[in-house]
Amino acid sequence: MDQADQQDYHPEYFFTGSGYSDLPVLAVGLSDTQAEHAFGLSLIGPYAVTPPEVAAVLGVTGAYNWYWGKDVGSTSGLIPAGLNWLLAGMHYAGPDLTVKNLKQGLFSAPPTQATPKNPNGILTGYGRTTGLPYDAYTPGPADYAAFFMDPFTESTSPGTGTKVKHTSWYPDNAKRYRAGTWPKLTKWFDKSASIAERTDQLLLTPAPPCATGKCPATGASEPKVGSSGDTFTVDPTPGAVTTSAS
């Protein structure tokens, strides 16, 4: 981009959603004059103005606090992410906990995706549950949102809380699409028909019991895990398990 500036060359830049290159706190290092022509795909999505009671159960809490207790132990996001994966795998494996059943359970569980209560949700899942033509062993995003960059306005950078320039704007209300489902978008670079932040985040409201410290691991009597009458059914996703190895 610096070389393009020196040569008075102003092409369009298409971003592919790789490497968080559109994250404002990183994109702020791009040339302002060149970033005016940046658009493409984003795996991040708009920053969500999240109520405190919702924020309490996102990121480094949730299952982690359920097990260890509130404000105890590591605050690394990687630790609870691993715990969530393990707990989900054990649940889907059923009473016969083996490596094969854990894998088969994760590969059969329906994918998660955006819903009216969680418009920022991303399409994730194992195996072929997200529609990929191959088995996915990591639940990375399988859908993306269209975005374009405005280097001259400020927004809150997702995950940092920092106000920086190079705001990402999202046409079509930041709706996410997977491969093969993209429509023809006509509102590129039109901020009046796009959003940069989202205030309708409704995920996990009201907060679940763990957000208030009422969890089995912290000595609460309710909810009681595994109590009589508790049953859980997970319907397999059609086509999820498609190979003998799966």
Foldseek 3Di string as FASTA:
>chain_A
DVVCVVVVHADAAEDAQPPCCLQQVNVLPDDQRNLQRYWYWHPQFAAEPDDPLVVLCPQQHPPVCLAANPPDDDSDSVVVVVVVLVVQLVVQLPPPDDPQSSLVRQLFFAWDAADLQANRGFTFGFFCNSPDPGTHPGGGGQKTFIWGWNQPAWDQGPPPRDIGGTFIKTAPARHIDGPPPDDDDDCPPPNVRTDRYHHSNRPCPPPDPVSVRQHVNSPHPPPDPPDPPDDDDGGTRPPSDDDPSD
